[in-house]
Each structure stands twice: as structure tokens, then as C-alpha cells.
Amino acid sequence: MNSKMTYGGIGPKLALITLPYVILSIIIMQRDPQFLFMNVPDSLWLKIPGLILLAGGLLFYMFTIVIFLADFKNGQLITRGPFALCRNPIYATFLVFIIPGLALFLQSGLTLSIDLVLYINFRISIHGENRVLERQFGQEYIAYRSRVNELIPVPRINK
């Protein structure tokens, strides 16, 4: 990883590593739409929360991108807006909102498995990005890391 953060962070690496599984999942869904289908008698119990997650995820993503693009160029640690809720709101958008929302809406366990594969790749890859941020921002990043969740965008309750 570079000595300074790039616009993409580990995003391109995550996409490249996860893409083969996504393609395989799409092929499987095309050949057997019932594979890992979440069969619920009243599918609205899955579709409505799925739509809420998708809509919330898109709004969260847009807000995150606006803050990121405005603040990244200043070379300072971004800690406001969605970045005050979690350290990785761009990745959280997909892992917490969009992919699970899509899985619920489509009633697809296979789509949900994409989220698991992406999450595993995120956990494996994020350490390099954390090291770069720690080198670049030092104690400021260490303090930020200790008070803000890594991925789940909710305020941390410190005792």
C-alpha cells in the first residue's frame, strides 16, 4: 500500500478479489433461480426491509461521497458526517446496507453470501489501509480508531 491514502483505498483490491465470486453467483442464479432462495410465505417481510436498507444505503453512500470528496483533497483525517459513525463508511454502505438489502429484496441467500465473501476480503485487506492512516496521521488516527467503529455505522457508547 502507498505511504499516503489514495482515493480508492482498498476498494479496487476488494472489487478484484470479490468479482469472480460475484460472477459465479450470477451464473448460478441464472441457471437455478431457486438456489439458496429464502422462501418466506409473505415475502413482504423481506422485501420491505430490503427496500429500506437499499434506500438508506444509497442515501448514506451519497452523503459519504460528498464528505469524502470535499475533505480528502485537504489531506486531513476525515472524521465528520458518516466518518464520525464508522471509519469505513464507503465499505459499510455495501456491506451493511446495499448487498444485504438486495439479498432481502431478491430473497436470495446467494446474494447474501456475496456479502460474506466481501466482508472476509475486507477483514483481510483493511489492515494495510489502517497502517497507512496510522503512519500518515499518527496519534490523531489512533484516537479516532479507538472511539469510532470500524464498519457498523452507529455511535460507540464509551463507558
C-alpha atoms as a PDB file:
ATOM      1  CA  MET A   1       0.000   0.000   0.000  1.00  0.00           C
ATOM      2  CA  ASN A   2       1.172   3.537  -0.683  1.00  0.00           C
ATOM      3  CA  SER A   3       2.585   5.740   2.046  1.00  0.00           C
ATOM      4  CA  LYS A   4      -0.389   8.091   1.557  1.00  0.00           C
ATOM      5  CA  MET A   5      -4.041   7.238   1.154  1.00  0.00           C
ATOM      6  CA  THR A   6      -5.424   7.103  -2.370  1.00  0.00           C
ATOM      7  CA  TYR A   7      -8.987   7.900  -3.428  1.00  0.00           C
ATOM      8  CA  GLY A   8      -9.711   4.210  -3.918  1.00  0.00           C
ATOM      9  CA  GLY A   9      -8.123   2.848  -0.746  1.00  0.00           C
ATOM     10  CA  ILE A  10      -8.525  -0.925  -0.795  1.00  0.00           C
ATOM     11  CA  GLY A  11     -11.724  -0.657  -2.869  1.00  0.00           C
ATOM     12  CA  PRO A  12     -10.197  -1.746  -6.182  1.00  0.00           C
ATOM     13  CA  LYS A  13      -8.483  -4.697  -4.478  1.00  0.00           C
ATOM     14  CA  LEU A  14     -11.759  -5.763  -2.828  1.00  0.00           C
ATOM     15  CA  ALA A  15     -13.593  -5.488  -6.142  1.00  0.00           C
ATOM     16  CA  LEU A  16     -10.961  -7.513  -7.978  1.00  0.00           C
ATOM     17  CA  ILE A  17     -10.853 -10.265  -5.361  1.00  0.00           C
ATOM     18  CA  THR A  18     -14.638 -10.477  -4.956  1.00  0.00           C
ATOM     19  CA  LEU A  19     -15.587 -10.142  -8.636  1.00  0.00           C
ATOM     20  CA  PRO A  20     -15.039 -13.821  -9.580  1.00  0.00           C
ATOM     21  CA  TYR A  21     -17.413 -14.906  -6.791  1.00  0.00           C
ATOM     22  CA  VAL A  22     -19.997 -12.316  -7.890  1.00  0.00           C
ATOM     23  CA  ILE A  23     -19.790 -13.575 -11.485  1.00  0.00           C
ATOM     24  CA  LEU A  24     -20.109 -17.197 -10.332  1.00  0.00           C
ATOM     25  CA  SER A  25     -23.116 -16.254  -8.184  1.00  0.00           C
ATOM     26  CA  ILE A  26     -24.824 -14.521 -11.113  1.00  0.00           C
ATOM     27  CA  ILE A  27     -24.257 -17.590 -13.309  1.00  0.00           C
ATOM     28  CA  ILE A  28     -25.690 -19.871 -10.602  1.00  0.00           C
ATOM     29  CA  MET A  29     -28.723 -17.590 -10.118  1.00  0.00           C
ATOM     30  CA  GLN A  30     -29.341 -17.599 -13.884  1.00  0.00           C
ATOM     31  CA  ARG A  31     -29.159 -21.393 -14.095  1.00  0.00           C
ATOM     32  CA  ASP A  32     -31.084 -22.122 -10.890  1.00  0.00           C
ATOM     33  CA  PRO A  33     -33.088 -19.157  -9.559  1.00  0.00           C
ATOM     34  CA  GLN A  34     -34.227 -21.239  -6.584  1.00  0.00           C
ATOM     35  CA  PHE A  35     -30.680 -21.939  -5.377  1.00  0.00           C
ATOM     36  CA  LEU A  36     -30.473 -20.625  -1.794  1.00  0.00           C
ATOM     37  CA  PHE A  37     -33.815 -18.876  -2.277  1.00  0.00           C
ATOM     38  CA  MET A  38     -35.237 -17.528   1.019  1.00  0.00           C
ATOM     39  CA  ASN A  39     -38.735 -18.959   0.795  1.00  0.00           C
ATOM     40  CA  VAL A  40     -40.904 -16.907   3.129  1.00  0.00           C
ATOM     41  CA  PRO A  41     -44.717 -17.252   2.896  1.00  0.00           C
ATOM     42  CA  ASP A  42     -45.294 -13.484   2.982  1.00  0.00           C
ATOM     43  CA  SER A  43     -42.325 -12.095   1.082  1.00  0.00           C
ATOM     44  CA  LEU A  44     -43.187  -8.509   2.075  1.00  0.00           C
ATOM     45  CA  TRP A  45     -41.468  -9.297   5.395  1.00  0.00           C
ATOM     46  CA  LEU A  46     -38.222  -9.472   3.431  1.00  0.00           C
ATOM     47  CA  LYS A  47     -38.889  -7.067   0.571  1.00  0.00           C
ATOM     48  CA  ILE A  48     -39.833  -4.032   2.700  1.00  0.00           C
ATOM     49  CA  PRO A  49     -36.756  -4.208   4.988  1.00  0.00           C
ATOM     50  CA  GLY A  50     -34.708  -4.856   1.840  1.00  0.00           C
ATOM     51  CA  LEU A  51     -36.008  -1.687   0.204  1.00  0.00           C
ATOM     52  CA  ILE A  52     -35.414   0.289   3.410  1.00  0.00           C
ATOM     53  CA  LEU A  53     -31.800  -0.944   3.541  1.00  0.00           C
ATOM     54  CA  LEU A  54     -31.286  -0.174  -0.154  1.00  0.00           C
ATOM     55  CA  ALA A  55     -32.740   3.335   0.108  1.00  0.00           C
ATOM     56  CA  GLY A  56     -30.872   4.044   3.334  1.00  0.00           C
ATOM     57  CA  GLY A  57     -27.680   2.682   1.811  1.00  0.00           C
ATOM     58  CA  LEU A  58     -27.947   4.876  -1.272  1.00  0.00           C
ATOM     59  CA  LEU A  59     -28.532   7.984   0.862  1.00  0.00           C
ATOM     60  CA  PHE A  60     -25.675   7.030   3.201  1.00  0.00           C
ATOM     61  CA  TYR A  61     -23.414   6.451   0.175  1.00  0.00           C
ATOM     62  CA  MET A  62     -24.234   9.807  -1.416  1.00  0.00           C
ATOM     63  CA  PHE A  63     -23.650  11.651   1.862  1.00  0.00           C
ATOM     64  CA  THR A  64     -20.388   9.762   2.398  1.00  0.00           C
ATOM     65  CA  ILE A  65     -19.094  10.517  -1.099  1.00  0.00           C
ATOM     66  CA  VAL A  66     -19.919  14.233  -0.773  1.00  0.00           C
ATOM     67  CA  ILE A  67     -17.992  14.461   2.527  1.00  0.00           C
ATOM     68  CA  PHE A  68     -15.134  12.296   1.218  1.00  0.00           C
ATOM     69  CA  LEU A  69     -14.614  14.266  -1.991  1.00  0.00           C
ATOM     70  CA  ALA A  70     -14.814  17.589  -0.144  1.00  0.00           C
ATOM     71  CA  ASP A  71     -12.371  16.628   2.615  1.00  0.00           C
ATOM     72  CA  PHE A  72      -9.922  14.140   1.066  1.00  0.00           C
ATOM     73  CA  LYS A  73      -8.132  16.731  -1.043  1.00  0.00           C
ATOM     74  CA  ASN A  74      -7.287  18.727   2.110  1.00  0.00           C
ATOM     75  CA  GLY A  75      -5.063  15.893   3.298  1.00  0.00           C
ATOM     76  CA  GLN A  76      -6.658  15.793   6.733  1.00  0.00           C
ATOM     77  CA  LEU A  77      -8.181  12.836   8.535  1.00  0.00           C
ATOM     78  CA  ILE A  78     -11.901  12.788   7.720  1.00  0.00           C
ATOM     79  CA  THR A  79     -13.892  12.424  10.946  1.00  0.00           C
ATOM     80  CA  ARG A  80     -17.154  14.240  10.256  1.00  0.00           C
ATOM     81  CA  GLY A  81     -20.502  13.119   8.872  1.00  0.00           C
ATOM     82  CA  PRO A  82     -20.640   9.379   8.208  1.00  0.00           C
ATOM     83  CA  PHE A  83     -16.963   9.136   9.179  1.00  0.00           C
ATOM     84  CA  ALA A  84     -17.999  10.078  12.725  1.00  0.00           C
ATOM     85  CA  LEU A  85     -20.172   6.936  12.804  1.00  0.00           C
ATOM     86  CA  CYS A  86     -17.715   4.445  11.310  1.00  0.00           C
ATOM     87  CA  ARG A  87     -14.187   4.582   9.937  1.00  0.00           C
ATOM     88  CA  ASN A  88     -15.076   2.923   6.638  1.00  0.00           C
ATOM     89  CA  PRO A  89     -18.491   4.265   5.580  1.00  0.00           C
ATOM     90  CA  ILE A  90     -17.936   3.620   1.872  1.00  0.00           C
ATOM     91  CA  TYR A  91     -17.340  -0.084   2.524  1.00  0.00           C
ATOM     92  CA  ALA A  92     -20.123  -0.082   5.153  1.00  0.00           C
ATOM     93  CA  THR A  93     -22.544   1.177   2.515  1.00  0.00           C
ATOM     94  CA  PHE A  94     -22.148  -2.044   0.564  1.00  0.00           C
ATOM     95  CA  LEU A  95     -21.532  -4.495   3.431  1.00  0.00           C
ATOM     96  CA  VAL A  96     -24.201  -3.253   5.833  1.00  0.00           C
ATOM     97  CA  PHE A  97     -26.863  -1.710   3.593  1.00  0.00           C
ATOM     98  CA  ILE A  98     -26.828  -2.343  -0.159  1.00  0.00           C
ATOM     99  CA  ILE A  99     -25.879  -6.014  -0.513  1.00  0.00           C
ATOM    100  CA  PRO A 100     -27.984  -7.216   2.472  1.00  0.00           C
ATOM    101  CA  GLY A 101     -30.877  -5.029   1.239  1.00  0.00           C
ATOM    102  CA  LEU A 102     -30.613  -6.502  -2.234  1.00  0.00           C
ATOM    103  CA  ALA A 103     -30.434 -10.023  -0.764  1.00  0.00           C
ATOM    104  CA  LEU A 104     -33.599  -9.455   1.268  1.00  0.00           C
ATOM    105  CA  PHE A 105     -35.442  -7.840  -1.625  1.00  0.00           C
ATOM    106  CA  LEU A 106     -34.486 -10.662  -4.010  1.00  0.00           C
ATOM    107  CA  GLN A 107     -34.913 -13.251  -1.237  1.00  0.00           C
ATOM    108  CA  SER A 108     -31.524 -14.589  -2.246  1.00  0.00           C
ATOM    109  CA  GLY A 109     -29.225 -16.389   0.149  1.00  0.00           C
ATOM    110  CA  LEU A 110     -26.680 -16.488  -2.658  1.00  0.00           C
ATOM    111  CA  THR A 111     -26.659 -12.678  -2.832  1.00  0.00           C
ATOM    112  CA  LEU A 112     -26.223 -12.615   0.939  1.00  0.00           C
ATOM    113  CA  SER A 113     -23.225 -14.937   0.542  1.00  0.00           C
ATOM    114  CA  ILE A 114     -21.589 -12.271  -1.659  1.00  0.00           C
ATOM    115  CA  ASP A 115     -21.723 -10.013   1.389  1.00  0.00           C
ATOM    116  CA  LEU A 116     -19.926 -12.652   3.454  1.00  0.00           C
ATOM    117  CA  VAL A 117     -17.186 -13.071   0.827  1.00  0.00           C
ATOM    118  CA  LEU A 118     -16.759  -9.291   0.557  1.00  0.00           C
ATOM    119  CA  TYR A 119     -16.630  -8.972   4.360  1.00  0.00           C
ATOM    120  CA  ILE A 120     -13.932 -11.656   4.645  1.00  0.00           C
ATOM    121  CA  ASN A 121     -11.901  -9.882   1.949  1.00  0.00           C
ATOM    122  CA  PHE A 122     -12.421  -6.559   3.752  1.00  0.00           C
ATOM    123  CA  ARG A 123     -11.171  -8.004   7.063  1.00  0.00           C
ATOM    124  CA  ILE A 124      -8.104  -9.479   5.361  1.00  0.00           C
ATOM    125  CA  SER A 125      -7.277  -6.316   3.394  1.00  0.00           C
ATOM    126  CA  ILE A 126      -8.150  -3.397   5.700  1.00  0.00           C
ATOM    127  CA  HIS A 127      -5.014  -3.728   7.840  1.00  0.00           C
ATOM    128  CA  GLY A 128      -2.838  -2.162   5.147  1.00  0.00           C
ATOM    129  CA  GLU A 129      -5.126   0.855   4.896  1.00  0.00           C
ATOM    130  CA  ASN A 130      -5.108   1.203   8.700  1.00  0.00           C
ATOM    131  CA  ARG A 131      -1.293   1.157   8.741  1.00  0.00           C
ATOM    132  CA  VAL A 132      -1.127   3.889   6.102  1.00  0.00           C
ATOM    133  CA  LEU A 133      -3.560   6.054   8.047  1.00  0.00           C
ATOM    134  CA  GLU A 134      -1.643   5.489  11.272  1.00  0.00           C
ATOM    135  CA  ARG A 135       1.635   6.477   9.591  1.00  0.00           C
ATOM    136  CA  GLN A 136       0.064   9.479   7.912  1.00  0.00           C
ATOM    137  CA  PHE A 137      -1.945  10.836  10.878  1.00  0.00           C
ATOM    138  CA  GLY A 138      -0.272   9.243  13.923  1.00  0.00           C
ATOM    139  CA  GLN A 139      -1.931   9.792  17.283  1.00  0.00           C
ATOM    140  CA  GLU A 140      -4.900  11.566  15.698  1.00  0.00           C
ATOM    141  CA  TYR A 141      -5.812   8.365  13.811  1.00  0.00           C
ATOM    142  CA  ILE A 142      -5.116   6.125  16.817  1.00  0.00           C
ATOM    143  CA  ALA A 143      -7.522   8.213  18.935  1.00  0.00           C
ATOM    144  CA  TYR A 144     -10.113   8.204  16.124  1.00  0.00           C
ATOM    145  CA  ARG A 145      -9.781   4.430  15.732  1.00  0.00           C
ATOM    146  CA  SER A 146     -10.328   3.921  19.466  1.00  0.00           C
ATOM    147  CA  ARG A 147     -13.575   5.919  19.558  1.00  0.00           C
ATOM    148  CA  VAL A 148     -15.226   5.064  16.195  1.00  0.00           C
ATOM    149  CA  ASN A 149     -16.493   1.679  14.966  1.00  0.00           C
ATOM    150  CA  GLU A 150     -14.710   0.146  12.027  1.00  0.00           C
ATOM    151  CA  LEU A 151     -17.725  -0.813   9.929  1.00  0.00           C
ATOM    152  CA  ILE A 152     -21.089  -0.628  11.695  1.00  0.00           C
ATOM    153  CA  PRO A 153     -22.295   2.998  11.377  1.00  0.00           C
ATOM    154  CA  VAL A 154     -23.600   3.597  14.874  1.00  0.00           C
ATOM    155  CA  PRO A 155     -22.143   5.797  17.590  1.00  0.00           C
ATOM    156  CA  ARG A 156     -19.947   3.876  20.002  1.00  0.00           C
ATOM    157  CA  ILE A 157     -21.030   4.041  23.620  1.00  0.00           C
ATOM    158  CA  ASN A 158     -17.929   4.566  25.762  1.00  0.00           C
ATOM    159  CA  LYS A 159     -18.137   3.966  29.453  1.00  0.00           C
END
